[in-house]
N, C-alpha and C. Protein backbone atom coordinates (compact mmCIF):
# COMPACT_ATOMS: atom_id res chain seq x y z
N MET A 1 -69.29 -47.91 44.50
CA MET A 1 -68.44 -47.02 45.28
C MET A 1 -66.98 -47.37 45.10
N ARG A 2 -66.71 -48.68 45.04
CA ARG A 2 -65.31 -49.10 44.87
C ARG A 2 -64.77 -48.62 43.53
N GLU A 3 -65.59 -48.74 42.48
CA GLU A 3 -65.18 -48.30 41.15
C GLU A 3 -64.90 -46.80 41.13
N GLU A 4 -65.74 -46.02 41.80
CA GLU A 4 -65.53 -44.58 41.88
C GLU A 4 -64.22 -44.26 42.58
N ALA A 5 -63.93 -44.96 43.65
CA ALA A 5 -62.68 -44.74 44.39
C ALA A 5 -61.48 -45.09 43.51
N GLU A 6 -61.56 -46.19 42.78
CA GLU A 6 -60.46 -46.60 41.89
C GLU A 6 -60.26 -45.56 40.79
N GLN A 7 -61.36 -45.05 40.23
CA GLN A 7 -61.26 -44.04 39.18
C GLN A 7 -60.63 -42.76 39.71
N LYS A 8 -60.97 -42.40 40.94
CA LYS A 8 -60.40 -41.20 41.56
C LYS A 8 -58.89 -41.37 41.74
N ARG A 9 -58.46 -42.53 42.15
CA ARG A 9 -57.02 -42.79 42.34
C ARG A 9 -56.29 -42.77 40.99
N LEU A 10 -56.92 -43.34 39.98
CA LEU A 10 -56.32 -43.32 38.65
C LEU A 10 -56.23 -41.89 38.14
N LYS A 11 -57.25 -41.09 38.37
CA LYS A 11 -57.23 -39.68 37.99
C LYS A 11 -56.07 -38.96 38.68
N THR A 12 -55.85 -39.26 39.94
CA THR A 12 -54.75 -38.64 40.68
C THR A 12 -53.40 -39.00 40.05
N VAL A 13 -53.23 -40.25 39.64
CA VAL A 13 -51.99 -40.67 38.98
C VAL A 13 -51.81 -39.93 37.67
N LEU A 14 -52.87 -39.78 36.90
CA LEU A 14 -52.79 -39.07 35.63
C LEU A 14 -52.45 -37.59 35.84
N GLU A 15 -53.02 -36.99 36.87
CA GLU A 15 -52.70 -35.59 37.19
C GLU A 15 -51.23 -35.47 37.59
N LEU A 16 -50.75 -36.42 38.36
CA LEU A 16 -49.35 -36.42 38.77
C LEU A 16 -48.43 -36.54 37.56
N GLN A 17 -48.79 -37.42 36.64
CA GLN A 17 -48.01 -37.57 35.40
C GLN A 17 -47.91 -36.24 34.68
N PHE A 18 -49.03 -35.57 34.54
CA PHE A 18 -49.07 -34.29 33.84
C PHE A 18 -48.18 -33.26 34.53
N ILE A 19 -48.32 -33.17 35.85
CA ILE A 19 -47.54 -32.18 36.61
C ILE A 19 -46.04 -32.47 36.51
N LEU A 20 -45.65 -33.70 36.74
CA LEU A 20 -44.24 -34.05 36.68
C LEU A 20 -43.68 -33.84 35.28
N ASP A 21 -44.47 -34.11 34.27
CA ASP A 21 -44.06 -33.89 32.89
C ASP A 21 -43.83 -32.40 32.63
N LYS A 22 -44.71 -31.56 33.14
CA LYS A 22 -44.59 -30.11 32.94
C LYS A 22 -43.35 -29.52 33.62
N LEU A 23 -42.84 -30.20 34.65
CA LEU A 23 -41.64 -29.70 35.33
C LEU A 23 -40.42 -29.71 34.42
N GLY A 24 -40.49 -30.42 33.32
CA GLY A 24 -39.40 -30.42 32.35
C GLY A 24 -39.42 -29.21 31.43
N ASP A 25 -40.49 -28.44 31.46
CA ASP A 25 -40.64 -27.24 30.64
C ASP A 25 -39.87 -26.08 31.29
N ASP A 26 -38.97 -25.48 30.53
CA ASP A 26 -38.14 -24.39 31.07
C ASP A 26 -38.97 -23.22 31.59
N GLU A 27 -40.04 -22.88 30.89
CA GLU A 27 -40.88 -21.76 31.32
C GLU A 27 -41.57 -22.07 32.65
N VAL A 28 -42.03 -23.29 32.81
CA VAL A 28 -42.69 -23.71 34.06
C VAL A 28 -41.67 -23.66 35.20
N ARG A 29 -40.48 -24.17 34.97
CA ARG A 29 -39.44 -24.16 36.02
C ARG A 29 -39.09 -22.73 36.41
N SER A 30 -38.98 -21.86 35.42
CA SER A 30 -38.67 -20.46 35.70
C SER A 30 -39.76 -19.83 36.55
N ASP A 31 -41.03 -20.08 36.18
CA ASP A 31 -42.14 -19.55 36.98
C ASP A 31 -42.08 -20.06 38.42
N LEU A 32 -41.77 -21.33 38.60
CA LEU A 32 -41.70 -21.91 39.94
C LEU A 32 -40.55 -21.32 40.75
N LYS A 33 -39.45 -21.08 40.11
CA LYS A 33 -38.30 -20.50 40.84
C LYS A 33 -38.55 -19.06 41.24
N GLN A 34 -39.31 -18.33 40.42
CA GLN A 34 -39.55 -16.91 40.67
C GLN A 34 -40.91 -16.61 41.29
N GLY A 35 -41.79 -17.61 41.31
CA GLY A 35 -43.14 -17.38 41.82
C GLY A 35 -43.98 -16.56 40.85
N SER A 36 -43.63 -16.60 39.57
CA SER A 36 -44.36 -15.84 38.55
C SER A 36 -45.70 -16.49 38.23
N ASN A 37 -46.59 -15.68 37.67
CA ASN A 37 -47.89 -16.16 37.20
C ASN A 37 -48.71 -16.84 38.30
N GLY A 38 -48.53 -16.42 39.53
CA GLY A 38 -49.35 -16.92 40.62
C GLY A 38 -48.99 -18.30 41.14
N VAL A 39 -47.85 -18.85 40.72
CA VAL A 39 -47.46 -20.18 41.21
C VAL A 39 -46.60 -20.03 42.47
N PRO A 40 -46.62 -21.05 43.32
CA PRO A 40 -45.78 -20.97 44.53
C PRO A 40 -44.30 -21.08 44.17
N VAL A 41 -43.47 -20.49 44.99
CA VAL A 41 -42.02 -20.55 44.78
C VAL A 41 -41.49 -21.90 45.27
N LEU A 42 -40.69 -22.55 44.43
CA LEU A 42 -40.00 -23.77 44.83
C LEU A 42 -38.50 -23.52 44.71
N THR A 43 -37.77 -24.06 45.66
CA THR A 43 -36.32 -23.92 45.63
C THR A 43 -35.73 -24.90 44.62
N GLU A 44 -34.48 -24.67 44.28
CA GLU A 44 -33.79 -25.60 43.38
C GLU A 44 -33.74 -27.00 44.00
N GLU A 45 -33.56 -27.06 45.32
CA GLU A 45 -33.53 -28.34 46.02
C GLU A 45 -34.88 -29.07 45.88
N GLU A 46 -35.97 -28.34 46.04
CA GLU A 46 -37.30 -28.96 45.91
C GLU A 46 -37.53 -29.44 44.47
N LEU A 47 -37.12 -28.66 43.50
CA LEU A 47 -37.26 -29.08 42.10
C LEU A 47 -36.42 -30.31 41.82
N THR A 48 -35.24 -30.37 42.40
CA THR A 48 -34.37 -31.53 42.22
C THR A 48 -35.02 -32.78 42.82
N MET A 49 -35.65 -32.64 43.98
CA MET A 49 -36.34 -33.78 44.59
C MET A 49 -37.48 -34.27 43.69
N LEU A 50 -38.21 -33.34 43.10
CA LEU A 50 -39.29 -33.72 42.19
C LEU A 50 -38.73 -34.39 40.93
N ASP A 51 -37.59 -33.90 40.45
CA ASP A 51 -36.93 -34.53 39.30
C ASP A 51 -36.54 -35.97 39.62
N GLU A 52 -36.01 -36.17 40.82
CA GLU A 52 -35.60 -37.51 41.24
C GLU A 52 -36.81 -38.43 41.39
N PHE A 53 -37.90 -37.88 41.91
CA PHE A 53 -39.12 -38.68 42.03
C PHE A 53 -39.64 -39.07 40.64
N TYR A 54 -39.56 -38.14 39.72
CA TYR A 54 -39.97 -38.42 38.33
C TYR A 54 -39.20 -39.61 37.78
N LYS A 55 -37.90 -39.64 38.04
CA LYS A 55 -37.07 -40.75 37.55
C LYS A 55 -37.47 -42.08 38.19
N LEU A 56 -37.96 -42.03 39.43
CA LEU A 56 -38.38 -43.26 40.10
C LEU A 56 -39.69 -43.80 39.54
N VAL A 57 -40.62 -42.90 39.23
CA VAL A 57 -41.93 -43.37 38.78
C VAL A 57 -42.04 -43.50 37.26
N TYR A 58 -41.09 -42.90 36.53
CA TYR A 58 -41.04 -43.03 35.07
C TYR A 58 -39.61 -43.35 34.67
N PRO A 59 -39.14 -44.53 35.03
CA PRO A 59 -37.72 -44.86 34.82
C PRO A 59 -37.39 -45.04 33.34
N GLU A 60 -36.14 -44.68 33.01
CA GLU A 60 -35.64 -44.99 31.67
C GLU A 60 -35.49 -46.49 31.58
N ARG A 61 -35.65 -47.02 30.41
CA ARG A 61 -35.57 -48.47 30.21
C ARG A 61 -34.19 -48.98 30.55
N ASP A 62 -34.10 -49.90 31.49
CA ASP A 62 -32.87 -50.56 31.89
C ASP A 62 -32.90 -51.97 31.30
N MET A 63 -32.05 -52.20 30.31
CA MET A 63 -32.08 -53.48 29.61
C MET A 63 -31.54 -54.64 30.46
N THR A 64 -30.96 -54.32 31.62
CA THR A 64 -30.46 -55.39 32.50
C THR A 64 -31.57 -55.92 33.42
N MET A 65 -32.72 -55.24 33.40
CA MET A 65 -33.86 -55.65 34.22
C MET A 65 -35.04 -55.99 33.33
N ARG A 66 -35.88 -56.84 33.82
CA ARG A 66 -37.13 -57.11 33.11
C ARG A 66 -38.02 -55.88 33.25
N LEU A 67 -38.72 -55.55 32.19
CA LEU A 67 -39.60 -54.38 32.19
C LEU A 67 -40.62 -54.48 33.33
N ASN A 68 -41.14 -55.67 33.54
CA ASN A 68 -42.11 -55.90 34.59
C ASN A 68 -41.53 -55.51 35.96
N GLU A 69 -40.27 -55.86 36.20
CA GLU A 69 -39.62 -55.53 37.47
C GLU A 69 -39.45 -54.02 37.61
N GLN A 70 -39.07 -53.38 36.52
CA GLN A 70 -38.88 -51.93 36.56
C GLN A 70 -40.18 -51.23 36.92
N TYR A 71 -41.27 -51.63 36.28
CA TYR A 71 -42.54 -50.99 36.55
C TYR A 71 -43.09 -51.38 37.92
N GLU A 72 -42.73 -52.54 38.40
CA GLU A 72 -43.14 -52.93 39.76
C GLU A 72 -42.54 -51.96 40.77
N GLN A 73 -41.26 -51.65 40.61
CA GLN A 73 -40.60 -50.70 41.51
C GLN A 73 -41.24 -49.32 41.41
N ALA A 74 -41.51 -48.87 40.19
CA ALA A 74 -42.13 -47.56 39.99
C ALA A 74 -43.52 -47.52 40.61
N SER A 75 -44.27 -48.61 40.47
CA SER A 75 -45.63 -48.63 41.00
C SER A 75 -45.65 -48.56 42.53
N VAL A 76 -44.63 -49.09 43.17
CA VAL A 76 -44.55 -49.01 44.64
C VAL A 76 -44.48 -47.56 45.08
N HIS A 77 -43.70 -46.75 44.38
CA HIS A 77 -43.57 -45.33 44.74
C HIS A 77 -44.90 -44.59 44.52
N LEU A 78 -45.57 -44.88 43.41
CA LEU A 78 -46.86 -44.25 43.16
C LEU A 78 -47.89 -44.68 44.20
N TRP A 79 -47.88 -45.96 44.55
CA TRP A 79 -48.82 -46.47 45.55
C TRP A 79 -48.59 -45.79 46.89
N ASP A 80 -47.33 -45.69 47.30
CA ASP A 80 -47.02 -45.04 48.58
C ASP A 80 -47.50 -43.60 48.58
N LEU A 81 -47.35 -42.91 47.46
CA LEU A 81 -47.82 -41.53 47.35
C LEU A 81 -49.34 -41.47 47.48
N LEU A 82 -50.04 -42.34 46.76
CA LEU A 82 -51.50 -42.36 46.83
C LEU A 82 -52.00 -42.69 48.23
N GLU A 83 -51.27 -43.55 48.92
CA GLU A 83 -51.65 -43.93 50.28
C GLU A 83 -51.25 -42.88 51.30
N GLY A 84 -50.45 -41.88 50.89
CA GLY A 84 -50.03 -40.83 51.81
C GLY A 84 -49.05 -41.30 52.86
N LYS A 85 -48.26 -42.32 52.51
CA LYS A 85 -47.31 -42.86 53.47
C LYS A 85 -46.16 -41.88 53.70
N GLU A 86 -45.72 -41.79 54.94
CA GLU A 86 -44.61 -40.93 55.33
C GLU A 86 -43.29 -41.68 55.14
N LYS A 87 -43.12 -42.25 53.98
CA LYS A 87 -41.93 -43.05 53.68
C LYS A 87 -40.87 -42.15 53.02
N PRO A 88 -39.62 -42.18 53.51
CA PRO A 88 -38.59 -41.35 52.89
C PRO A 88 -38.32 -41.76 51.44
N VAL A 89 -38.26 -40.78 50.56
CA VAL A 89 -37.92 -41.01 49.17
C VAL A 89 -37.34 -39.70 48.61
N CYS A 90 -36.24 -39.80 47.91
CA CYS A 90 -35.58 -38.65 47.28
C CYS A 90 -35.23 -37.55 48.29
N GLY A 91 -34.88 -37.94 49.48
CA GLY A 91 -34.44 -36.96 50.48
C GLY A 91 -35.55 -36.26 51.23
N THR A 92 -36.79 -36.73 51.09
CA THR A 92 -37.91 -36.12 51.80
C THR A 92 -38.99 -37.16 52.03
N THR A 93 -40.07 -36.77 52.73
CA THR A 93 -41.22 -37.67 52.91
C THR A 93 -42.44 -37.01 52.28
């Protein structure tokens, strides 16, 4: 049961990666802004918050920090999301 739960959480992280990655696609962003193709409408502010979250969980390499430290910080944000914590991040919870 524990292994199944861990696999489910890992699947959720992979789905999140895919979704956040797709937000960089101009066509996807256009659909989200207009509500085209059956997707919900997101405001520019909401898209900006998602962009900022993307930067937190997939940071650009900072050569002044150890890679391990960078990924430790990113993993905290992913963990909080998986746990459903009401912790403020990127201007929202």
